[in-house]
Amino acid sequence: MRTLLNFVGGVGVEKHRGAGDDRTVAAVTPGGYAGPDLRGSDKRHGWQTRLMEAHDVLRPMTDADVPRVLQLNADHVQLLSPMDDGHLARLRGWAARADVIQCDGETAGFVLVFGPGTDYDSENYLWFTERFGDRFDYLDRIVIDARFRRRGLASAVYDAVEAAAAARGRLVLEVNLDPPNEPSLAFHRRRGFEEVGQLGPAGHRVSLMARSSPPKAGDGA
């Protein structure tokens, strides 16, 4: 599986592919840059930026959310792999966390996290399984619609999934390394993620990253 992270049109997308695997991970930061800007306000919309709390932002995905989640995926299908309701149902069945992201009463995005011991067969997930056994949570997919930029949503979601991963010792993910996505690498390093390995051939290589709970220098060895 490979990962490509693009910051295009206000959306940053990590795109995962591999043999027999069309799963996509979209890691989105508001406004198409590495992390939310919480200073001032968005004059175009009149939104006052503020820190968002996870309990205000996240709730479990239900069947009623499926059309909106599929639409969010379809809206950025040029960056994401196509996903139908059957594929989403399988992902939800495997996921330790399948949440929608809420803002102003709307579904602004969604997030999927996988714990150890599932049937999820992505190459990166299997690498982390071999490395960490049952001591990790894998952040597979986070998508936030560009209309909800500068709201602190990305930080709130990361706060929640990092806190949940503490019980297993670390949150893991991958970011495109060749070609490099410097904004995403910088964003994750600022949050305490460290490289624990690399995977993929030249031109499609990813940095496998982990954030220990609390961060430990040994995870970057």
N, C-alpha and C. Protein backbone atom coordinates (compact mmCIF):
# COMPACT_ATOMS: atom_id res chain seq x y z
N MET A 1 0.84 -1.18 0.00
CA MET A 1 0.00 0.00 0.00
C MET A 1 0.88 1.23 0.00
N ARG A 2 0.45 2.29 -0.68
CA ARG A 2 1.22 3.52 -0.69
C ARG A 2 0.36 4.67 -0.22
N THR A 3 0.98 5.74 0.17
CA THR A 3 0.27 6.90 0.67
C THR A 3 0.70 8.13 -0.10
N LEU A 4 -0.26 8.93 -0.50
CA LEU A 4 0.04 10.21 -1.14
C LEU A 4 -0.76 11.27 -0.42
N LEU A 5 -0.08 12.28 0.10
CA LEU A 5 -0.77 13.36 0.80
C LEU A 5 -0.67 14.60 -0.04
N ASN A 6 -1.81 15.15 -0.45
CA ASN A 6 -1.87 16.38 -1.22
C ASN A 6 -2.64 17.42 -0.43
N PHE A 7 -2.22 18.69 -0.50
CA PHE A 7 -3.02 19.77 0.03
C PHE A 7 -3.54 20.55 -1.16
N VAL A 8 -4.80 20.27 -1.52
CA VAL A 8 -5.38 20.81 -2.74
C VAL A 8 -6.76 21.36 -2.41
N GLY A 9 -7.00 22.61 -2.79
CA GLY A 9 -8.33 23.19 -2.64
C GLY A 9 -8.84 23.16 -1.23
N GLY A 10 -7.95 23.31 -0.25
CA GLY A 10 -8.37 23.36 1.13
C GLY A 10 -8.49 22.00 1.78
N VAL A 11 -8.12 20.94 1.07
CA VAL A 11 -8.25 19.60 1.62
C VAL A 11 -6.93 18.87 1.48
N GLY A 12 -6.45 18.30 2.57
CA GLY A 12 -5.25 17.48 2.52
C GLY A 12 -5.64 16.03 2.57
N VAL A 13 -5.17 15.27 1.62
CA VAL A 13 -5.63 13.89 1.48
C VAL A 13 -4.46 12.93 1.48
N GLU A 14 -4.50 11.93 2.33
CA GLU A 14 -3.57 10.81 2.29
C GLU A 14 -4.25 9.67 1.57
N LYS A 15 -3.68 9.26 0.46
CA LYS A 15 -4.30 8.26 -0.40
C LYS A 15 -3.51 6.97 -0.35
N HIS A 16 -4.15 5.90 0.11
CA HIS A 16 -3.49 4.61 0.34
C HIS A 16 -3.93 3.61 -0.71
N ARG A 17 -2.94 2.96 -1.32
CA ARG A 17 -3.27 1.90 -2.26
C ARG A 17 -2.22 0.80 -2.16
N GLY A 18 -2.62 -0.39 -2.53
CA GLY A 18 -1.69 -1.51 -2.57
C GLY A 18 -2.34 -2.68 -3.27
N ALA A 19 -1.61 -3.75 -3.39
CA ALA A 19 -2.15 -4.92 -4.07
C ALA A 19 -3.39 -5.41 -3.34
N GLY A 20 -4.51 -5.44 -4.05
CA GLY A 20 -5.76 -5.91 -3.48
C GLY A 20 -6.33 -4.96 -2.44
N ASP A 21 -5.90 -3.71 -2.44
CA ASP A 21 -6.32 -2.79 -1.38
C ASP A 21 -6.60 -1.43 -1.98
N ASP A 22 -7.88 -1.02 -1.97
CA ASP A 22 -8.22 0.29 -2.49
C ASP A 22 -8.64 1.24 -1.37
N ARG A 23 -8.25 0.91 -0.14
CA ARG A 23 -8.65 1.74 0.98
C ARG A 23 -7.91 3.07 0.94
N THR A 24 -8.62 4.10 1.34
CA THR A 24 -8.07 5.45 1.27
C THR A 24 -8.09 6.08 2.64
N VAL A 25 -7.02 6.76 2.96
CA VAL A 25 -6.96 7.53 4.19
C VAL A 25 -6.88 8.98 3.81
N ALA A 26 -7.80 9.78 4.28
CA ALA A 26 -7.76 11.22 4.02
C ALA A 26 -7.50 11.93 5.32
N ALA A 27 -6.34 12.54 5.42
CA ALA A 27 -6.01 13.33 6.59
C ALA A 27 -6.11 14.78 6.20
N VAL A 28 -7.11 15.48 6.74
CA VAL A 28 -7.43 16.81 6.27
C VAL A 28 -7.16 17.82 7.36
N THR A 29 -6.50 18.89 7.01
CA THR A 29 -6.32 20.00 7.93
C THR A 29 -7.03 21.21 7.38
N PRO A 30 -7.66 22.01 8.23
CA PRO A 30 -8.47 23.12 7.75
C PRO A 30 -7.67 24.07 6.87
N GLY A 31 -8.30 24.49 5.77
CA GLY A 31 -7.73 25.50 4.91
C GLY A 31 -6.60 25.02 4.04
N GLY A 32 -6.30 23.71 4.04
CA GLY A 32 -5.27 23.19 3.17
C GLY A 32 -3.88 23.50 3.64
N TYR A 33 -3.69 23.70 4.94
CA TYR A 33 -2.36 23.90 5.46
C TYR A 33 -2.17 23.02 6.66
N ALA A 34 -0.94 22.98 7.19
CA ALA A 34 -0.60 21.98 8.20
C ALA A 34 -1.08 22.40 9.58
N GLY A 35 -2.35 22.22 9.84
CA GLY A 35 -2.90 22.51 11.15
C GLY A 35 -3.79 23.73 11.11
N PRO A 36 -4.79 23.79 12.00
CA PRO A 36 -5.73 24.90 12.00
C PRO A 36 -5.11 26.18 12.49
N ASP A 37 -5.49 27.30 11.87
CA ASP A 37 -5.09 28.61 12.34
C ASP A 37 -6.20 29.12 13.25
N LEU A 38 -5.93 29.20 14.54
CA LEU A 38 -6.96 29.56 15.51
C LEU A 38 -6.89 31.02 15.90
N ARG A 39 -6.19 31.84 15.11
CA ARG A 39 -6.08 33.26 15.42
C ARG A 39 -7.11 34.04 14.64
N GLY A 40 -7.73 35.02 15.29
CA GLY A 40 -8.61 35.93 14.60
C GLY A 40 -9.90 35.29 14.16
N SER A 41 -10.38 35.68 12.99
CA SER A 41 -11.64 35.16 12.48
C SER A 41 -11.57 35.02 10.98
N ASP A 42 -12.51 34.26 10.44
CA ASP A 42 -12.64 34.13 9.00
C ASP A 42 -13.58 35.21 8.53
N LYS A 43 -13.04 36.27 7.93
CA LYS A 43 -13.84 37.44 7.59
C LYS A 43 -14.87 37.13 6.51
N ARG A 44 -14.52 36.20 5.62
CA ARG A 44 -15.44 35.90 4.53
C ARG A 44 -16.74 35.31 5.04
N HIS A 45 -16.65 34.48 6.05
CA HIS A 45 -17.84 33.83 6.61
C HIS A 45 -18.29 34.44 7.93
N GLY A 46 -17.46 35.29 8.52
CA GLY A 46 -17.82 35.86 9.80
C GLY A 46 -17.69 34.89 10.95
N TRP A 47 -16.94 33.80 10.76
CA TRP A 47 -16.77 32.80 11.82
C TRP A 47 -15.67 33.25 12.76
N GLN A 48 -15.94 33.21 14.04
CA GLN A 48 -14.89 33.42 15.02
C GLN A 48 -14.21 32.08 15.28
N THR A 49 -12.92 31.99 15.04
CA THR A 49 -12.24 30.72 15.25
C THR A 49 -12.13 30.43 16.73
N ARG A 50 -12.18 29.15 17.08
CA ARG A 50 -12.09 28.76 18.48
C ARG A 50 -11.63 27.32 18.56
N LEU A 51 -11.12 26.97 19.71
CA LEU A 51 -10.77 25.58 19.94
C LEU A 51 -12.04 24.76 20.09
N MET A 52 -12.07 23.62 19.44
CA MET A 52 -13.23 22.74 19.51
C MET A 52 -12.92 21.60 20.47
N GLU A 53 -13.93 21.18 21.21
CA GLU A 53 -13.80 20.05 22.12
C GLU A 53 -14.30 18.79 21.43
N ALA A 54 -13.61 17.67 21.69
CA ALA A 54 -13.95 16.42 21.00
C ALA A 54 -15.40 16.01 21.24
N HIS A 55 -15.92 16.25 22.47
CA HIS A 55 -17.29 15.81 22.74
C HIS A 55 -18.30 16.66 21.98
N ASP A 56 -17.89 17.85 21.51
CA ASP A 56 -18.76 18.67 20.67
C ASP A 56 -18.70 18.25 19.21
N VAL A 57 -17.64 17.57 18.84
CA VAL A 57 -17.31 17.35 17.43
C VAL A 57 -17.64 15.94 16.95
N LEU A 58 -17.41 14.93 17.78
CA LEU A 58 -17.48 13.54 17.34
C LEU A 58 -18.68 12.81 17.92
N ARG A 59 -19.28 11.95 17.09
CA ARG A 59 -20.28 10.99 17.57
C ARG A 59 -20.20 9.76 16.69
N PRO A 60 -20.64 8.61 17.20
CA PRO A 60 -20.56 7.38 16.40
C PRO A 60 -21.36 7.48 15.10
N MET A 61 -20.80 6.96 14.05
CA MET A 61 -21.47 6.91 12.75
C MET A 61 -22.63 5.93 12.82
N THR A 62 -23.76 6.31 12.26
CA THR A 62 -24.93 5.44 12.18
C THR A 62 -25.26 5.17 10.71
N ASP A 63 -26.20 4.25 10.49
CA ASP A 63 -26.62 3.96 9.13
C ASP A 63 -27.18 5.20 8.45
N ALA A 64 -27.82 6.08 9.23
CA ALA A 64 -28.38 7.30 8.66
C ALA A 64 -27.30 8.24 8.13
N ASP A 65 -26.07 8.09 8.62
CA ASP A 65 -24.97 8.94 8.18
C ASP A 65 -24.33 8.47 6.87
N VAL A 66 -24.62 7.24 6.47
CA VAL A 66 -23.92 6.64 5.33
C VAL A 66 -24.03 7.49 4.07
N PRO A 67 -25.21 8.00 3.69
CA PRO A 67 -25.26 8.81 2.46
C PRO A 67 -24.35 10.02 2.51
N ARG A 68 -24.30 10.72 3.64
CA ARG A 68 -23.44 11.90 3.75
C ARG A 68 -21.97 11.51 3.72
N VAL A 69 -21.61 10.43 4.40
CA VAL A 69 -20.22 9.98 4.40
C VAL A 69 -19.80 9.60 2.98
N LEU A 70 -20.66 8.88 2.27
CA LEU A 70 -20.34 8.51 0.90
C LEU A 70 -20.24 9.74 0.01
N GLN A 71 -21.08 10.76 0.27
CA GLN A 71 -21.01 11.98 -0.51
C GLN A 71 -19.72 12.74 -0.26
N LEU A 72 -19.29 12.78 1.02
CA LEU A 72 -18.01 13.41 1.32
C LEU A 72 -16.88 12.73 0.55
N ASN A 73 -16.94 11.41 0.50
CA ASN A 73 -15.93 10.68 -0.25
C ASN A 73 -16.02 11.00 -1.75
N ALA A 74 -17.26 11.02 -2.27
CA ALA A 74 -17.45 11.28 -3.70
C ALA A 74 -17.06 12.69 -4.09
N ASP A 75 -17.26 13.64 -3.15
CA ASP A 75 -16.93 15.04 -3.45
C ASP A 75 -15.45 15.21 -3.76
N HIS A 76 -14.62 14.33 -3.21
CA HIS A 76 -13.18 14.41 -3.43
C HIS A 76 -12.65 13.13 -4.07
N VAL A 77 -13.50 12.53 -4.93
CA VAL A 77 -13.13 11.24 -5.49
C VAL A 77 -11.88 11.33 -6.35
N GLN A 78 -11.57 12.53 -6.87
CA GLN A 78 -10.34 12.67 -7.64
C GLN A 78 -9.11 12.49 -6.76
N LEU A 79 -9.28 12.65 -5.45
CA LEU A 79 -8.19 12.46 -4.50
C LEU A 79 -8.35 11.18 -3.70
N LEU A 80 -9.57 10.66 -3.67
CA LEU A 80 -9.88 9.48 -2.86
C LEU A 80 -10.27 8.31 -3.74
N SER A 81 -10.09 7.11 -3.24
CA SER A 81 -10.62 5.93 -3.93
C SER A 81 -12.13 5.91 -3.82
N PRO A 82 -12.84 5.46 -4.85
CA PRO A 82 -14.30 5.33 -4.76
C PRO A 82 -14.69 4.39 -3.61
N MET A 83 -15.82 4.67 -3.00
CA MET A 83 -16.29 3.85 -1.89
C MET A 83 -17.81 3.75 -1.98
N ASP A 84 -18.32 2.53 -1.95
CA ASP A 84 -19.76 2.34 -1.94
C ASP A 84 -20.21 1.92 -0.54
N ASP A 85 -21.52 1.72 -0.38
CA ASP A 85 -22.03 1.44 0.96
C ASP A 85 -21.55 0.10 1.49
N GLY A 86 -21.35 -0.88 0.59
CA GLY A 86 -20.84 -2.17 1.04
C GLY A 86 -19.42 -2.08 1.58
N HIS A 87 -18.58 -1.33 0.89
CA HIS A 87 -17.20 -1.16 1.34
C HIS A 87 -17.16 -0.40 2.66
N LEU A 88 -17.96 0.66 2.76
CA LEU A 88 -18.02 1.41 4.02
C LEU A 88 -18.51 0.52 5.15
N ALA A 89 -19.48 -0.34 4.89
CA ALA A 89 -19.98 -1.24 5.93
C ALA A 89 -18.87 -2.16 6.43
N ARG A 90 -18.04 -2.66 5.51
CA ARG A 90 -16.93 -3.51 5.94
C ARG A 90 -15.94 -2.73 6.80
N LEU A 91 -15.61 -1.52 6.37
CA LEU A 91 -14.69 -0.70 7.15
C LEU A 91 -15.26 -0.40 8.54
N ARG A 92 -16.53 -0.08 8.62
CA ARG A 92 -17.16 0.18 9.92
C ARG A 92 -17.13 -1.06 10.80
N GLY A 93 -17.31 -2.23 10.18
CA GLY A 93 -17.29 -3.46 10.95
C GLY A 93 -15.94 -3.76 11.55
N TRP A 94 -14.88 -3.38 10.87
CA TRP A 94 -13.53 -3.62 11.37
C TRP A 94 -13.05 -2.53 12.32
N ALA A 95 -13.58 -1.34 12.19
CA ALA A 95 -13.02 -0.18 12.87
C ALA A 95 -13.29 -0.18 14.37
N ALA A 96 -12.29 0.24 15.12
CA ALA A 96 -12.48 0.49 16.55
C ALA A 96 -13.23 1.79 16.77
N ARG A 97 -13.07 2.71 15.82
CA ARG A 97 -13.74 4.00 15.90
C ARG A 97 -14.21 4.37 14.50
N ALA A 98 -15.51 4.55 14.33
CA ALA A 98 -16.10 5.04 13.09
C ALA A 98 -17.03 6.17 13.49
N ASP A 99 -16.53 7.38 13.43
CA ASP A 99 -17.26 8.56 13.90
C ASP A 99 -17.52 9.53 12.77
N VAL A 100 -18.58 10.30 12.92
CA VAL A 100 -18.76 11.47 12.08
C VAL A 100 -18.30 12.70 12.85
N ILE A 101 -17.87 13.70 12.11
CA ILE A 101 -17.37 14.96 12.66
C ILE A 101 -18.45 16.00 12.45
N GLN A 102 -18.89 16.63 13.53
CA GLN A 102 -20.00 17.56 13.49
C GLN A 102 -19.55 19.00 13.66
N CYS A 103 -20.23 19.90 12.98
CA CYS A 103 -19.97 21.33 13.14
C CYS A 103 -21.22 22.10 12.73
N ASP A 104 -21.71 22.95 13.60
CA ASP A 104 -22.88 23.78 13.31
C ASP A 104 -24.08 22.94 12.87
N GLY A 105 -24.23 21.78 13.50
CA GLY A 105 -25.37 20.93 13.20
C GLY A 105 -25.27 20.15 11.91
N GLU A 106 -24.13 20.22 11.23
CA GLU A 106 -23.92 19.49 9.99
C GLU A 106 -22.83 18.43 10.17
N THR A 107 -22.87 17.43 9.30
CA THR A 107 -21.79 16.45 9.26
C THR A 107 -20.67 17.02 8.41
N ALA A 108 -19.58 17.40 9.08
CA ALA A 108 -18.46 18.07 8.41
C ALA A 108 -17.42 17.08 7.92
N GLY A 109 -17.46 15.86 8.40
CA GLY A 109 -16.45 14.88 8.00
C GLY A 109 -16.64 13.57 8.72
N PHE A 110 -15.64 12.72 8.63
CA PHE A 110 -15.69 11.44 9.34
C PHE A 110 -14.28 10.93 9.59
N VAL A 111 -14.18 9.98 10.51
CA VAL A 111 -12.88 9.43 10.88
C VAL A 111 -13.03 7.93 11.15
N LEU A 112 -12.02 7.16 10.72
CA LEU A 112 -11.96 5.73 10.98
C LEU A 112 -10.62 5.38 11.62
N VAL A 113 -10.69 4.62 12.71
CA VAL A 113 -9.49 4.15 13.42
C VAL A 113 -9.63 2.65 13.63
N PHE A 114 -8.53 1.92 13.41
CA PHE A 114 -8.52 0.47 13.59
C PHE A 114 -7.59 0.09 14.73
N GLY A 115 -8.09 -0.76 15.62
CA GLY A 115 -7.25 -1.35 16.63
C GLY A 115 -6.57 -2.60 16.10
N PRO A 116 -5.77 -3.26 16.92
CA PRO A 116 -5.08 -4.48 16.48
C PRO A 116 -6.04 -5.66 16.38
N GLY A 117 -5.61 -6.68 15.62
CA GLY A 117 -6.34 -7.94 15.59
C GLY A 117 -7.54 -7.98 14.68
N THR A 118 -7.65 -7.06 13.73
CA THR A 118 -8.79 -7.07 12.81
C THR A 118 -8.40 -7.78 11.50
N ASP A 119 -9.38 -7.94 10.63
CA ASP A 119 -9.15 -8.52 9.31
C ASP A 119 -8.70 -7.49 8.29
N TYR A 120 -8.50 -6.28 8.71
CA TYR A 120 -8.05 -5.22 7.80
C TYR A 120 -6.68 -5.61 7.24
N ASP A 121 -6.57 -5.62 5.90
CA ASP A 121 -5.39 -6.23 5.28
C ASP A 121 -4.49 -5.22 4.58
N SER A 122 -4.56 -3.94 4.96
CA SER A 122 -3.67 -2.98 4.33
C SER A 122 -2.22 -3.28 4.70
N GLU A 123 -1.32 -3.01 3.77
CA GLU A 123 0.09 -3.30 3.98
C GLU A 123 0.64 -2.53 5.17
N ASN A 124 0.25 -1.28 5.30
CA ASN A 124 0.76 -0.46 6.41
C ASN A 124 0.24 -0.96 7.75
N TYR A 125 -1.05 -1.28 7.80
CA TYR A 125 -1.63 -1.82 9.02
C TYR A 125 -0.92 -3.11 9.44
N LEU A 126 -0.64 -3.97 8.48
CA LEU A 126 0.04 -5.22 8.79
C LEU A 126 1.46 -4.97 9.28
N TRP A 127 2.14 -3.95 8.73
CA TRP A 127 3.48 -3.60 9.19
C TRP A 127 3.44 -3.18 10.65
N PHE A 128 2.47 -2.34 11.00
CA PHE A 128 2.36 -1.90 12.39
C PHE A 128 2.01 -3.07 13.31
N THR A 129 1.21 -4.00 12.83
CA THR A 129 0.88 -5.19 13.62
C THR A 129 2.13 -5.99 13.93
N GLU A 130 2.97 -6.19 12.92
CA GLU A 130 4.21 -6.94 13.13
C GLU A 130 5.14 -6.20 14.09
N ARG A 131 5.18 -4.88 14.00
CA ARG A 131 6.10 -4.09 14.83
C ARG A 131 5.60 -3.97 16.26
N PHE A 132 4.31 -3.70 16.44
CA PHE A 132 3.80 -3.35 17.77
C PHE A 132 2.84 -4.38 18.37
N GLY A 133 2.52 -5.44 17.64
CA GLY A 133 1.61 -6.46 18.19
C GLY A 133 0.23 -5.88 18.44
N ASP A 134 -0.20 -5.92 19.69
CA ASP A 134 -1.51 -5.38 20.04
C ASP A 134 -1.39 -4.03 20.75
N ARG A 135 -0.28 -3.33 20.57
CA ARG A 135 -0.02 -2.09 21.29
C ARG A 135 -0.07 -0.89 20.35
N PHE A 136 -1.19 -0.72 19.66
CA PHE A 136 -1.34 0.45 18.79
C PHE A 136 -2.80 0.62 18.39
N ASP A 137 -3.15 1.85 18.00
CA ASP A 137 -4.34 2.17 17.23
C ASP A 137 -3.87 2.80 15.93
N TYR A 138 -4.53 2.44 14.84
CA TYR A 138 -4.12 2.89 13.51
C TYR A 138 -5.13 3.90 12.96
N LEU A 139 -4.69 5.14 12.79
CA LEU A 139 -5.54 6.17 12.20
C LEU A 139 -5.56 5.97 10.69
N ASP A 140 -6.67 5.48 10.21
CA ASP A 140 -6.78 5.08 8.81
C ASP A 140 -7.30 6.20 7.93
N ARG A 141 -8.29 6.93 8.41
CA ARG A 141 -8.96 7.88 7.52
C ARG A 141 -9.57 9.01 8.33
N ILE A 142 -9.27 10.24 7.94
CA ILE A 142 -9.95 11.40 8.48
C ILE A 142 -10.22 12.37 7.35
N VAL A 143 -11.48 12.71 7.15
CA VAL A 143 -11.91 13.61 6.08
C VAL A 143 -12.71 14.75 6.70
N ILE A 144 -12.34 15.97 6.38
CA ILE A 144 -13.09 17.15 6.82
C ILE A 144 -13.35 18.02 5.60
N ASP A 145 -14.62 18.35 5.38
CA ASP A 145 -15.01 19.18 4.26
C ASP A 145 -14.36 20.56 4.37
N ALA A 146 -13.89 21.07 3.23
CA ALA A 146 -13.18 22.35 3.21
C ALA A 146 -14.05 23.51 3.68
N ARG A 147 -15.38 23.37 3.63
CA ARG A 147 -16.25 24.46 4.09
C ARG A 147 -16.10 24.72 5.58
N PHE A 148 -15.56 23.75 6.31
CA PHE A 148 -15.48 23.87 7.76
C PHE A 148 -14.05 24.14 8.22
N ARG A 149 -13.29 24.80 7.39
CA ARG A 149 -11.92 25.13 7.74
C ARG A 149 -11.88 26.18 8.85
N ARG A 150 -10.73 26.27 9.50
CA ARG A 150 -10.47 27.25 10.56
C ARG A 150 -11.45 27.14 11.71
N ARG A 151 -11.87 25.92 12.01
CA ARG A 151 -12.79 25.71 13.13
C ARG A 151 -12.15 24.89 14.23
N GLY A 152 -10.93 24.45 14.07
CA GLY A 152 -10.26 23.62 15.07
C GLY A 152 -10.68 22.17 15.04
N LEU A 153 -11.36 21.75 13.97
CA LEU A 153 -11.88 20.38 13.92
C LEU A 153 -10.77 19.34 13.87
N ALA A 154 -9.76 19.59 13.04
CA ALA A 154 -8.69 18.60 12.92
C ALA A 154 -8.00 18.37 14.25
N SER A 155 -7.70 19.45 14.96
CA SER A 155 -7.05 19.31 16.26
C SER A 155 -7.93 18.57 17.25
N ALA A 156 -9.23 18.86 17.24
CA ALA A 156 -10.14 18.18 18.15
C ALA A 156 -10.19 16.69 17.87
N VAL A 157 -10.23 16.32 16.58
CA VAL A 157 -10.26 14.90 16.23
C VAL A 157 -8.96 14.22 16.63
N TYR A 158 -7.83 14.84 16.33
CA TYR A 158 -6.55 14.25 16.72
C TYR A 158 -6.45 14.13 18.24
N ASP A 159 -6.91 15.14 18.98
CA ASP A 159 -6.90 15.04 20.44
C ASP A 159 -7.65 13.80 20.90
N ALA A 160 -8.82 13.56 20.29
CA ALA A 160 -9.66 12.44 20.71
C ALA A 160 -9.03 11.10 20.37
N VAL A 161 -8.53 10.95 19.16
CA VAL A 161 -8.00 9.65 18.77
C VAL A 161 -6.67 9.37 19.48
N GLU A 162 -5.88 10.40 19.73
CA GLU A 162 -4.65 10.21 20.49
C GLU A 162 -4.95 9.79 21.92
N ALA A 163 -5.95 10.42 22.53
CA ALA A 163 -6.32 10.06 23.90
C ALA A 163 -6.83 8.63 23.98
N ALA A 164 -7.65 8.24 23.00
CA ALA A 164 -8.18 6.87 22.99
C ALA A 164 -7.09 5.84 22.79
N ALA A 165 -6.08 6.20 22.01
CA ALA A 165 -4.97 5.28 21.73
C ALA A 165 -4.06 5.09 22.93
N ALA A 166 -4.14 5.96 23.92
CA ALA A 166 -3.23 5.89 25.07
C ALA A 166 -3.30 4.53 25.76
N ALA A 167 -4.48 3.93 25.80
CA ALA A 167 -4.63 2.64 26.48
C ALA A 167 -3.81 1.55 25.81
N ARG A 168 -3.56 1.68 24.51
CA ARG A 168 -2.78 0.68 23.79
C ARG A 168 -1.33 1.13 23.58
N GLY A 169 -1.01 2.34 24.01
CA GLY A 169 0.38 2.76 24.00
C GLY A 169 0.78 3.74 22.93
N ARG A 170 0.05 3.76 21.78
CA ARG A 170 0.47 4.66 20.70
C ARG A 170 -0.60 4.74 19.62
N LEU A 171 -0.57 5.88 18.93
CA LEU A 171 -1.35 6.06 17.71
C LEU A 171 -0.38 6.03 16.55
N VAL A 172 -0.72 5.29 15.50
CA VAL A 172 0.17 5.15 14.34
C VAL A 172 -0.57 5.55 13.07
N LEU A 173 0.22 5.94 12.06
CA LEU A 173 -0.31 6.35 10.77
C LEU A 173 0.85 6.42 9.78
N GLU A 174 0.57 6.81 8.55
CA GLU A 174 1.64 7.00 7.59
C GLU A 174 1.42 8.28 6.81
N VAL A 175 2.54 8.86 6.35
CA VAL A 175 2.53 10.10 5.58
C VAL A 175 3.46 9.91 4.39
N ASN A 176 3.07 10.46 3.25
CA ASN A 176 3.88 10.30 2.06
C ASN A 176 5.26 10.92 2.22
N LEU A 177 6.28 10.15 1.85
CA LEU A 177 7.67 10.57 2.01
C LEU A 177 8.36 10.80 0.67
N ASP A 178 8.02 10.01 -0.34
CA ASP A 178 8.63 10.13 -1.66
C ASP A 178 7.53 9.89 -2.69
N PRO A 179 6.99 11.00 -3.28
CA PRO A 179 7.39 12.39 -3.07
C PRO A 179 6.98 12.87 -1.68
N PRO A 180 7.74 13.79 -1.10
CA PRO A 180 7.47 14.20 0.27
C PRO A 180 6.29 15.15 0.38
N ASN A 181 5.56 15.03 1.48
CA ASN A 181 4.56 16.04 1.80
C ASN A 181 5.02 16.74 3.07
N GLU A 182 5.75 17.81 2.90
CA GLU A 182 6.34 18.49 4.05
C GLU A 182 5.31 19.08 5.01
N PRO A 183 4.19 19.67 4.51
CA PRO A 183 3.21 20.18 5.47
C PRO A 183 2.65 19.11 6.40
N SER A 184 2.34 17.94 5.84
CA SER A 184 1.80 16.87 6.67
C SER A 184 2.86 16.33 7.63
N LEU A 185 4.08 16.14 7.14
CA LEU A 185 5.15 15.67 8.01
C LEU A 185 5.36 16.65 9.16
N ALA A 186 5.37 17.96 8.86
CA ALA A 186 5.57 18.96 9.91
C ALA A 186 4.41 18.97 10.90
N PHE A 187 3.19 18.85 10.38
CA PHE A 187 1.99 18.83 11.24
C PHE A 187 2.07 17.68 12.24
N HIS A 188 2.41 16.49 11.76
CA HIS A 188 2.45 15.33 12.65
C HIS A 188 3.64 15.38 13.60
N ARG A 189 4.77 15.89 13.14
CA ARG A 189 5.91 16.03 14.05
C ARG A 189 5.58 16.99 15.18
N ARG A 190 4.87 18.06 14.86
CA ARG A 190 4.49 19.01 15.92
C ARG A 190 3.58 18.35 16.95
N ARG A 191 2.83 17.36 16.55
CA ARG A 191 1.95 16.67 17.48
C ARG A 191 2.65 15.53 18.20
N GLY A 192 3.94 15.35 17.96
CA GLY A 192 4.69 14.34 18.69
C GLY A 192 4.88 13.03 17.97
N PHE A 193 4.50 12.95 16.69
CA PHE A 193 4.71 11.73 15.92
C PHE A 193 6.17 11.65 15.50
N GLU A 194 6.70 10.44 15.51
CA GLU A 194 8.07 10.19 15.10
C GLU A 194 8.10 9.02 14.13
N GLU A 195 9.03 9.07 13.20
CA GLU A 195 9.14 7.98 12.23
C GLU A 195 9.69 6.72 12.90
N VAL A 196 9.01 5.61 12.63
CA VAL A 196 9.45 4.32 13.16
C VAL A 196 9.82 3.35 12.03
N GLY A 197 9.63 3.77 10.78
CA GLY A 197 9.98 2.94 9.66
C GLY A 197 9.56 3.59 8.36
N GLN A 198 9.90 2.95 7.26
CA GLN A 198 9.49 3.39 5.94
C GLN A 198 9.04 2.18 5.14
N LEU A 199 8.16 2.43 4.19
CA LEU A 199 7.60 1.33 3.40
C LEU A 199 7.31 1.83 1.99
N GLY A 200 7.56 0.97 1.01
CA GLY A 200 7.22 1.29 -0.36
C GLY A 200 8.45 1.57 -1.21
N PRO A 201 8.30 1.46 -2.53
CA PRO A 201 9.41 1.69 -3.45
C PRO A 201 9.65 3.18 -3.67
N ALA A 202 10.74 3.50 -4.33
CA ALA A 202 11.03 4.89 -4.67
C ALA A 202 9.88 5.48 -5.48
N GLY A 203 9.51 6.70 -5.13
CA GLY A 203 8.40 7.37 -5.79
C GLY A 203 7.06 7.11 -5.14
N HIS A 204 6.98 6.11 -4.29
CA HIS A 204 5.73 5.78 -3.60
C HIS A 204 6.03 5.36 -2.16
N ARG A 205 6.98 6.03 -1.55
CA ARG A 205 7.44 5.61 -0.22
C ARG A 205 6.73 6.43 0.86
N VAL A 206 6.39 5.75 1.96
CA VAL A 206 5.72 6.42 3.06
C VAL A 206 6.58 6.38 4.32
N SER A 207 6.40 7.39 5.14
CA SER A 207 6.97 7.42 6.48
C SER A 207 5.94 6.83 7.44
N LEU A 208 6.29 5.76 8.11
CA LEU A 208 5.43 5.13 9.11
C LEU A 208 5.72 5.82 10.44
N MET A 209 4.68 6.42 11.02
CA MET A 209 4.87 7.30 12.17
C MET A 209 4.06 6.82 13.36
N ALA A 210 4.58 7.08 14.55
CA ALA A 210 3.91 6.71 15.79
C ALA A 210 4.02 7.84 16.79
N ARG A 211 2.97 8.01 17.57
CA ARG A 211 2.99 8.92 18.70
C ARG A 211 2.68 8.10 19.93
N SER A 212 3.68 7.93 20.79
CA SER A 212 3.49 7.15 22.01
C SER A 212 2.70 7.96 23.01
N SER A 213 2.18 7.27 23.99
CA SER A 213 1.34 7.89 25.00
C SER A 213 1.88 7.63 26.40
N PRO A 214 2.62 8.60 26.96
CA PRO A 214 3.09 9.83 26.33
C PRO A 214 4.18 9.53 25.33
N PRO A 215 4.53 10.51 24.44
CA PRO A 215 5.57 10.24 23.44
C PRO A 215 6.86 9.76 24.07
N LYS A 216 7.47 8.76 23.43
CA LYS A 216 8.73 8.19 23.92
C LYS A 216 9.75 8.23 22.80
N ALA A 217 10.97 8.67 23.14
CA ALA A 217 12.02 8.79 22.12
C ALA A 217 12.28 7.45 21.45
N GLY A 218 12.10 6.35 22.15
CA GLY A 218 12.39 5.04 21.60
C GLY A 218 11.57 4.68 20.40
N ASP A 219 10.34 5.27 20.26
CA ASP A 219 9.50 4.96 19.11
C ASP A 219 10.07 5.53 17.84
N GLY A 220 10.98 6.49 17.94
CA GLY A 220 11.57 7.06 16.74
C GLY A 220 12.86 6.40 16.37
N ALA A 221 13.29 5.39 17.12
CA ALA A 221 14.57 4.73 16.85
C ALA A 221 14.52 3.94 15.55
